[in-house]
């Protein structure tokens, strides 16, 4: 078991930023092969499920050896945190869950309960490049997470860059994470991947969780 780990969900991004943290990095690669890698571990995966699939895969396969605190990030972390951001903030001991750009956001339709996709995501859904979910976001939250949104905002950080303690991960049983994974295994870009991006805090955090927004 490690004190800290950095889980990187890579497609074809340049992840040279992570070399300075190489001894802590577990890279899940869903794109072109990484020819040279100084990392702790590199695991090639089928390109399914977006970063949410990668995060869950790590939790499931490392269940008995999770780090005390794990930072989860997409391949180019600086798309989400800024070039001069100090990653050490994600490992401040007194917080259980540390999230970048966390805010209360309402981006689902009050009538249909569906996510309001914009820009490239809207285009991908229209063109069939995103697999539409069988359930609306609101219904999925209620049935899968037992959350009633009540037409209000949700708290999340766009980009899904966050660290979480092992204690919080273990709030849910292993079978629950496998159940979440089942929504993500059949398409590179399932809409449920976007659902998970919006609900990590609800998946992990209990009433005693100490949360920091950075």
C-alpha atoms as a PDB file:
ATOM      1  CA  UNK A   1       0.000   0.000   0.000  1.00  0.00           C
ATOM      2  CA  UNK A   2       1.239   3.478  -0.883  1.00  0.00           C
ATOM      3  CA  UNK A   3       0.690   6.692   0.990  1.00  0.00           C
ATOM      4  CA  UNK A   4      -0.342   8.423  -2.234  1.00  0.00           C
ATOM      5  CA  UNK A   5      -0.985   7.490  -5.854  1.00  0.00           C
ATOM      6  CA  UNK A   6      -1.814   9.397  -9.014  1.00  0.00           C
ATOM      7  CA  UNK A   7      -4.143   7.587 -11.403  1.00  0.00           C
ATOM      8  CA  UNK A   8      -3.961   8.947 -14.952  1.00  0.00           C
ATOM      9  CA  UNK A   9      -6.693   8.158 -17.466  1.00  0.00           C
ATOM     10  CA  UNK A  10      -4.860   8.623 -20.762  1.00  0.00           C
ATOM     11  CA  UNK A  11      -6.083   8.439 -24.332  1.00  0.00           C
ATOM     12  CA  UNK A  12      -3.461  10.100 -26.536  1.00  0.00           C
ATOM     13  CA  UNK A  13      -2.547  13.096 -24.390  1.00  0.00           C
ATOM     14  CA  UNK A  14       1.010  14.181 -23.660  1.00  0.00           C
ATOM     15  CA  UNK A  15       1.587  13.098 -20.068  1.00  0.00           C
ATOM     16  CA  UNK A  16       5.174  14.301 -19.758  1.00  0.00           C
ATOM     17  CA  UNK A  17       3.938  16.656 -17.014  1.00  0.00           C
ATOM     18  CA  UNK A  18       3.715  13.586 -14.783  1.00  0.00           C
ATOM     19  CA  UNK A  19       7.367  12.516 -15.095  1.00  0.00           C
ATOM     20  CA  UNK A  20       8.282  14.486 -11.982  1.00  0.00           C
ATOM     21  CA  UNK A  21       5.749  12.383 -10.056  1.00  0.00           C
ATOM     22  CA  UNK A  22       6.583   9.122 -11.856  1.00  0.00           C
ATOM     23  CA  UNK A  23       7.060   6.992  -8.752  1.00  0.00           C
ATOM     24  CA  UNK A  24       3.453   7.709  -7.737  1.00  0.00           C
ATOM     25  CA  UNK A  25       1.781   7.336 -11.148  1.00  0.00           C
ATOM     26  CA  UNK A  26      -0.387   4.494 -12.369  1.00  0.00           C
ATOM     27  CA  UNK A  27      -1.167   5.217 -16.015  1.00  0.00           C
ATOM     28  CA  UNK A  28      -4.127   3.587 -17.735  1.00  0.00           C
ATOM     29  CA  UNK A  29      -3.583   3.890 -21.455  1.00  0.00           C
ATOM     30  CA  UNK A  30      -6.504   3.639 -23.899  1.00  0.00           C
ATOM     31  CA  UNK A  31      -4.728   5.087 -26.928  1.00  0.00           C
ATOM     32  CA  UNK A  32      -1.401   4.716 -28.708  1.00  0.00           C
ATOM     33  CA  UNK A  33       1.285   2.769 -26.897  1.00  0.00           C
ATOM     34  CA  UNK A  34       3.516   4.660 -24.509  1.00  0.00           C
ATOM     35  CA  UNK A  35       6.966   3.798 -25.847  1.00  0.00           C
ATOM     36  CA  UNK A  36       9.010   5.131 -22.950  1.00  0.00           C
ATOM     37  CA  UNK A  37       7.495   5.219 -19.526  1.00  0.00           C
ATOM     38  CA  UNK A  38       9.227   5.755 -16.207  1.00  0.00           C
ATOM     39  CA  UNK A  39       6.007   5.283 -14.271  1.00  0.00           C
ATOM     40  CA  UNK A  40       5.175   3.056 -11.340  1.00  0.00           C
ATOM     41  CA  UNK A  41       2.781   1.129 -13.557  1.00  0.00           C
ATOM     42  CA  UNK A  42       1.315   1.345 -17.077  1.00  0.00           C
ATOM     43  CA  UNK A  43      -1.789  -0.665 -17.935  1.00  0.00           C
ATOM     44  CA  UNK A  44      -3.296  -0.817 -21.417  1.00  0.00           C
ATOM     45  CA  UNK A  45      -7.087  -0.891 -21.536  1.00  0.00           C
ATOM     46  CA  UNK A  46      -9.742  -1.064 -24.203  1.00  0.00           C
ATOM     47  CA  UNK A  47     -11.045   2.404 -25.053  1.00  0.00           C
ATOM     48  CA  UNK A  48     -14.418   2.265 -23.340  1.00  0.00           C
ATOM     49  CA  UNK A  49     -16.224   4.289 -20.721  1.00  0.00           C
ATOM     50  CA  UNK A  50     -14.238   7.529 -20.677  1.00  0.00           C
ATOM     51  CA  UNK A  51     -12.202   8.444 -17.603  1.00  0.00           C
ATOM     52  CA  UNK A  52     -14.978   7.197 -15.314  1.00  0.00           C
ATOM     53  CA  UNK A  53     -14.321   3.624 -16.454  1.00  0.00           C
ATOM     54  CA  UNK A  54     -10.610   4.076 -15.749  1.00  0.00           C
ATOM     55  CA  UNK A  55     -11.183   5.426 -12.250  1.00  0.00           C
ATOM     56  CA  UNK A  56     -13.514   2.560 -11.401  1.00  0.00           C
ATOM     57  CA  UNK A  57     -11.173  -0.001 -12.954  1.00  0.00           C
ATOM     58  CA  UNK A  58      -8.398   1.174 -10.661  1.00  0.00           C
ATOM     59  CA  UNK A  59     -10.591   1.007  -7.570  1.00  0.00           C
ATOM     60  CA  UNK A  60     -11.843  -2.475  -8.428  1.00  0.00           C
ATOM     61  CA  UNK A  61      -8.481  -3.978  -9.377  1.00  0.00           C
ATOM     62  CA  UNK A  62      -6.577  -2.326  -6.507  1.00  0.00           C
ATOM     63  CA  UNK A  63      -9.255  -2.872  -3.882  1.00  0.00           C
ATOM     64  CA  UNK A  64      -6.929  -4.532  -1.369  1.00  0.00           C
ATOM     65  CA  UNK A  65      -3.999  -2.194  -1.991  1.00  0.00           C
ATOM     66  CA  UNK A  66      -5.494   1.260  -2.464  1.00  0.00           C
ATOM     67  CA  UNK A  67      -3.292   4.179  -1.490  1.00  0.00           C
ATOM     68  CA  UNK A  68      -4.226   6.174   1.573  1.00  0.00           C
ATOM     69  CA  UNK A  69      -5.096   8.982  -0.839  1.00  0.00           C
ATOM     70  CA  UNK A  70      -5.454   8.764  -4.626  1.00  0.00           C
ATOM     71  CA  UNK A  71      -5.532  11.591  -7.148  1.00  0.00           C
ATOM     72  CA  UNK A  72      -7.633  10.783 -10.213  1.00  0.00           C
ATOM     73  CA  UNK A  73      -7.070  12.813 -13.369  1.00  0.00           C
ATOM     74  CA  UNK A  74      -7.447  12.743 -17.123  1.00  0.00           C
ATOM     75  CA  UNK A  75      -4.340  12.616 -19.287  1.00  0.00           C
ATOM     76  CA  UNK A  76      -3.620  16.321 -19.541  1.00  0.00           C
ATOM     77  CA  UNK A  77      -4.268  17.501 -16.031  1.00  0.00           C
ATOM     78  CA  UNK A  78      -3.373  21.071 -16.910  1.00  0.00           C
ATOM     79  CA  UNK A  79      -6.395  21.315 -19.174  1.00  0.00           C
ATOM     80  CA  UNK A  80      -8.299  21.377 -15.896  1.00  0.00           C
ATOM     81  CA  UNK A  81      -6.019  22.854 -13.229  1.00  0.00           C
ATOM     82  CA  UNK A  82      -3.808  25.434 -14.976  1.00  0.00           C
ATOM     83  CA  UNK A  83      -0.117  25.293 -15.854  1.00  0.00           C
ATOM     84  CA  UNK A  84       1.276  26.551 -12.550  1.00  0.00           C
ATOM     85  CA  UNK A  85      -0.986  24.567 -10.261  1.00  0.00           C
ATOM     86  CA  UNK A  86       0.742  22.804  -7.357  1.00  0.00           C
ATOM     87  CA  UNK A  87      -0.523  19.223  -7.273  1.00  0.00           C
ATOM     88  CA  UNK A  88       0.586  18.745  -3.677  1.00  0.00           C
ATOM     89  CA  UNK A  89      -2.640  20.453  -2.582  1.00  0.00           C
ATOM     90  CA  UNK A  90      -4.480  17.265  -3.539  1.00  0.00           C
ATOM     91  CA  UNK A  91      -2.654  15.377  -0.795  1.00  0.00           C
ATOM     92  CA  UNK A  92      -3.292  17.648   2.189  1.00  0.00           C
ATOM     93  CA  UNK A  93      -3.827  15.149   4.985  1.00  0.00           C
ATOM     94  CA  UNK A  94      -6.710  16.748   6.849  1.00  0.00           C
ATOM     95  CA  UNK A  95      -9.120  16.535   3.896  1.00  0.00           C
ATOM     96  CA  UNK A  96     -10.820  13.376   2.656  1.00  0.00           C
ATOM     97  CA  UNK A  97     -11.942  14.676  -0.733  1.00  0.00           C
ATOM     98  CA  UNK A  98     -10.214  17.457  -2.652  1.00  0.00           C
ATOM     99  CA  UNK A  99     -11.758  18.571  -5.922  1.00  0.00           C
ATOM    100  CA  UNK A 100     -10.687  21.039  -8.585  1.00  0.00           C
ATOM    101  CA  UNK A 101     -13.263  23.616  -9.717  1.00  0.00           C
ATOM    102  CA  UNK A 102     -16.014  22.159  -7.551  1.00  0.00           C
ATOM    103  CA  UNK A 103     -19.192  24.216  -7.706  1.00  0.00           C
ATOM    104  CA  UNK A 104     -22.965  23.993  -7.541  1.00  0.00           C
ATOM    105  CA  UNK A 105     -24.108  23.601 -11.139  1.00  0.00           C
ATOM    106  CA  UNK A 106     -27.480  22.830 -12.660  1.00  0.00           C
ATOM    107  CA  UNK A 107     -26.956  21.529 -16.189  1.00  0.00           C
ATOM    108  CA  UNK A 108     -29.888  19.174 -16.608  1.00  0.00           C
ATOM    109  CA  UNK A 109     -33.367  19.815 -17.974  1.00  0.00           C
ATOM    110  CA  UNK A 110     -36.006  20.253 -15.271  1.00  0.00           C
ATOM    111  CA  UNK A 111     -38.694  18.601 -17.387  1.00  0.00           C
ATOM    112  CA  UNK A 112     -36.927  15.633 -18.955  1.00  0.00           C
ATOM    113  CA  UNK A 113     -34.222  15.147 -16.333  1.00  0.00           C
ATOM    114  CA  UNK A 114     -31.631  14.841 -19.103  1.00  0.00           C
ATOM    115  CA  UNK A 115     -28.216  16.478 -19.091  1.00  0.00           C
ATOM    116  CA  UNK A 116     -28.007  19.647 -21.161  1.00  0.00           C
ATOM    117  CA  UNK A 117     -24.994  18.926 -23.344  1.00  0.00           C
ATOM    118  CA  UNK A 118     -23.315  21.837 -25.090  1.00  0.00           C
ATOM    119  CA  UNK A 119     -20.629  22.308 -27.725  1.00  0.00           C
ATOM    120  CA  UNK A 120     -18.786  19.189 -28.791  1.00  0.00           C
ATOM    121  CA  UNK A 121     -20.763  16.991 -26.398  1.00  0.00           C
ATOM    122  CA  UNK A 122     -24.057  18.099 -27.921  1.00  0.00           C
ATOM    123  CA  UNK A 123     -22.663  17.425 -31.385  1.00  0.00           C
ATOM    124  CA  UNK A 124     -21.382  13.975 -30.391  1.00  0.00           C
ATOM    125  CA  UNK A 125     -24.785  13.036 -28.990  1.00  0.00           C
ATOM    126  CA  UNK A 126     -26.552  14.246 -32.142  1.00  0.00           C
ATOM    127  CA  UNK A 127     -24.123  12.341 -34.391  1.00  0.00           C
ATOM    128  CA  UNK A 128     -24.317   9.135 -32.365  1.00  0.00           C
ATOM    129  CA  UNK A 129     -20.711   9.370 -31.194  1.00  0.00           C
ATOM    130  CA  UNK A 130     -21.982   9.483 -27.639  1.00  0.00           C
ATOM    131  CA  UNK A 131     -24.184   6.557 -26.630  1.00  0.00           C
ATOM    132  CA  UNK A 132     -27.345   7.968 -25.104  1.00  0.00           C
ATOM    133  CA  UNK A 133     -28.155   6.616 -21.653  1.00  0.00           C
ATOM    134  CA  UNK A 134     -31.226   4.451 -21.164  1.00  0.00           C
ATOM    135  CA  UNK A 135     -32.278   6.532 -18.174  1.00  0.00           C
ATOM    136  CA  UNK A 136     -32.296  10.284 -17.717  1.00  0.00           C
ATOM    137  CA  UNK A 137     -29.696  11.773 -15.400  1.00  0.00           C
ATOM    138  CA  UNK A 138     -32.303  12.504 -12.728  1.00  0.00           C
ATOM    139  CA  UNK A 139     -33.751   8.982 -12.867  1.00  0.00           C
ATOM    140  CA  UNK A 140     -30.285   7.419 -12.870  1.00  0.00           C
ATOM    141  CA  UNK A 141     -29.281   9.384  -9.769  1.00  0.00           C
ATOM    142  CA  UNK A 142     -32.431   8.275  -7.991  1.00  0.00           C
ATOM    143  CA  UNK A 143     -32.238   4.606  -8.955  1.00  0.00           C
ATOM    144  CA  UNK A 144     -28.483   4.049  -8.810  1.00  0.00           C
ATOM    145  CA  UNK A 145     -27.314   6.482  -6.123  1.00  0.00           C
ATOM    146  CA  UNK A 146     -30.562   7.002  -4.202  1.00  0.00           C
ATOM    147  CA  UNK A 147     -30.270  10.768  -4.713  1.00  0.00           C
ATOM    148  CA  UNK A 148     -33.316  12.968  -5.328  1.00  0.00           C
ATOM    149  CA  UNK A 149     -32.145  16.082  -7.144  1.00  0.00           C
ATOM    150  CA  UNK A 150     -35.444  17.937  -6.619  1.00  0.00           C
ATOM    151  CA  UNK A 151     -34.739  20.294  -9.526  1.00  0.00           C
ATOM    152  CA  UNK A 152     -31.739  21.724  -7.705  1.00  0.00           C
ATOM    153  CA  UNK A 153     -28.062  22.074  -8.591  1.00  0.00           C
ATOM    154  CA  UNK A 154     -25.473  19.373  -8.102  1.00  0.00           C
ATOM    155  CA  UNK A 155     -21.974  19.786  -6.722  1.00  0.00           C
ATOM    156  CA  UNK A 156     -19.203  18.668  -9.044  1.00  0.00           C
ATOM    157  CA  UNK A 157     -15.979  19.693 -10.721  1.00  0.00           C
ATOM    158  CA  UNK A 158     -16.030  19.650 -14.533  1.00  0.00           C
ATOM    159  CA  UNK A 159     -13.115  17.549 -15.761  1.00  0.00           C
ATOM    160  CA  UNK A 160     -13.257  15.057 -12.881  1.00  0.00           C
ATOM    161  CA  UNK A 161      -9.956  15.970 -11.230  1.00  0.00           C
ATOM    162  CA  UNK A 162     -10.047  15.060  -7.564  1.00  0.00           C
ATOM    163  CA  UNK A 163      -8.332  13.148  -4.799  1.00  0.00           C
ATOM    164  CA  UNK A 164     -10.124  10.857  -2.402  1.00  0.00           C
ATOM    165  CA  UNK A 165      -9.118   8.980   0.711  1.00  0.00           C
ATOM    166  CA  UNK A 166      -9.205   5.228   0.964  1.00  0.00           C
ATOM    167  CA  UNK A 167     -11.600   5.623   3.877  1.00  0.00           C
ATOM    168  CA  UNK A 168     -14.195   7.278   1.658  1.00  0.00           C
ATOM    169  CA  UNK A 169     -13.772   4.759  -1.145  1.00  0.00           C
ATOM    170  CA  UNK A 170     -14.452   1.977   1.340  1.00  0.00           C
ATOM    171  CA  UNK A 171     -17.757   3.608   2.312  1.00  0.00           C
ATOM    172  CA  UNK A 172     -19.190   1.624  -0.591  1.00  0.00           C
ATOM    173  CA  UNK A 173     -18.753  -2.113  -1.131  1.00  0.00           C
ATOM    174  CA  UNK A 174     -16.712  -3.455  -4.022  1.00  0.00           C
ATOM    175  CA  UNK A 175     -19.864  -4.756  -5.706  1.00  0.00           C
ATOM    176  CA  UNK A 176     -21.243  -1.230  -5.924  1.00  0.00           C
ATOM    177  CA  UNK A 177     -18.248  -0.058  -7.967  1.00  0.00           C
ATOM    178  CA  UNK A 178     -18.615  -3.087 -10.218  1.00  0.00           C
ATOM    179  CA  UNK A 179     -22.247  -2.126 -10.717  1.00  0.00           C
ATOM    180  CA  UNK A 180     -21.247   1.405 -11.726  1.00  0.00           C
ATOM    181  CA  UNK A 181     -18.679  -0.069 -14.112  1.00  0.00           C
ATOM    182  CA  UNK A 182     -21.411  -2.049 -15.866  1.00  0.00           C
ATOM    183  CA  UNK A 183     -22.822   1.185 -17.307  1.00  0.00           C
ATOM    184  CA  UNK A 184     -19.527   2.001 -19.012  1.00  0.00           C
ATOM    185  CA  UNK A 185     -18.206  -1.168 -20.615  1.00  0.00           C
ATOM    186  CA  UNK A 186     -19.849  -1.177 -24.042  1.00  0.00           C
ATOM    187  CA  UNK A 187     -18.956   2.131 -25.706  1.00  0.00           C
ATOM    188  CA  UNK A 188     -16.043   4.609 -25.844  1.00  0.00           C
ATOM    189  CA  UNK A 189     -18.332   7.486 -24.894  1.00  0.00           C
ATOM    190  CA  UNK A 190     -21.431   6.385 -22.956  1.00  0.00           C
ATOM    191  CA  UNK A 191     -23.547   9.178 -21.554  1.00  0.00           C
ATOM    192  CA  UNK A 192     -23.326   7.524 -18.142  1.00  0.00           C
ATOM    193  CA  UNK A 193     -19.655   8.519 -18.123  1.00  0.00           C
ATOM    194  CA  UNK A 194     -20.887  12.102 -17.981  1.00  0.00           C
ATOM    195  CA  UNK A 195     -23.273  11.127 -15.187  1.00  0.00           C
ATOM    196  CA  UNK A 196     -20.381   9.840 -13.121  1.00  0.00           C
ATOM    197  CA  UNK A 197     -18.332  12.972 -13.760  1.00  0.00           C
ATOM    198  CA  UNK A 198     -21.152  14.865 -12.065  1.00  0.00           C
ATOM    199  CA  UNK A 199     -21.640  12.554  -9.103  1.00  0.00           C
ATOM    200  CA  UNK A 200     -18.269  11.493  -7.689  1.00  0.00           C
ATOM    201  CA  UNK A 201     -18.757  13.533  -4.533  1.00  0.00           C
ATOM    202  CA  UNK A 202     -22.075  11.758  -3.906  1.00  0.00           C
ATOM    203  CA  UNK A 203     -20.547   8.367  -4.594  1.00  0.00           C
ATOM    204  CA  UNK A 204     -17.705   8.809  -2.118  1.00  0.00           C
ATOM    205  CA  UNK A 205     -18.569  11.360   0.537  1.00  0.00           C
ATOM    206  CA  UNK A 206     -20.432  10.800   3.764  1.00  0.00           C
ATOM    207  CA  UNK A 207     -21.634  13.429   6.232  1.00  0.00           C
ATOM    208  CA  UNK A 208     -18.287  13.339   8.036  1.00  0.00           C
ATOM    209  CA  UNK A 209     -16.178  13.880   4.923  1.00  0.00           C
ATOM    210  CA  UNK A 210     -13.865  16.871   4.996  1.00  0.00           C
ATOM    211  CA  UNK A 211     -14.054  18.404   1.521  1.00  0.00           C
ATOM    212  CA  UNK A 212     -11.734  21.000   0.014  1.00  0.00           C
ATOM    213  CA  UNK A 213     -12.390  22.868  -3.244  1.00  0.00           C
ATOM    214  CA  UNK A 214      -9.271  24.109  -5.035  1.00  0.00           C
END
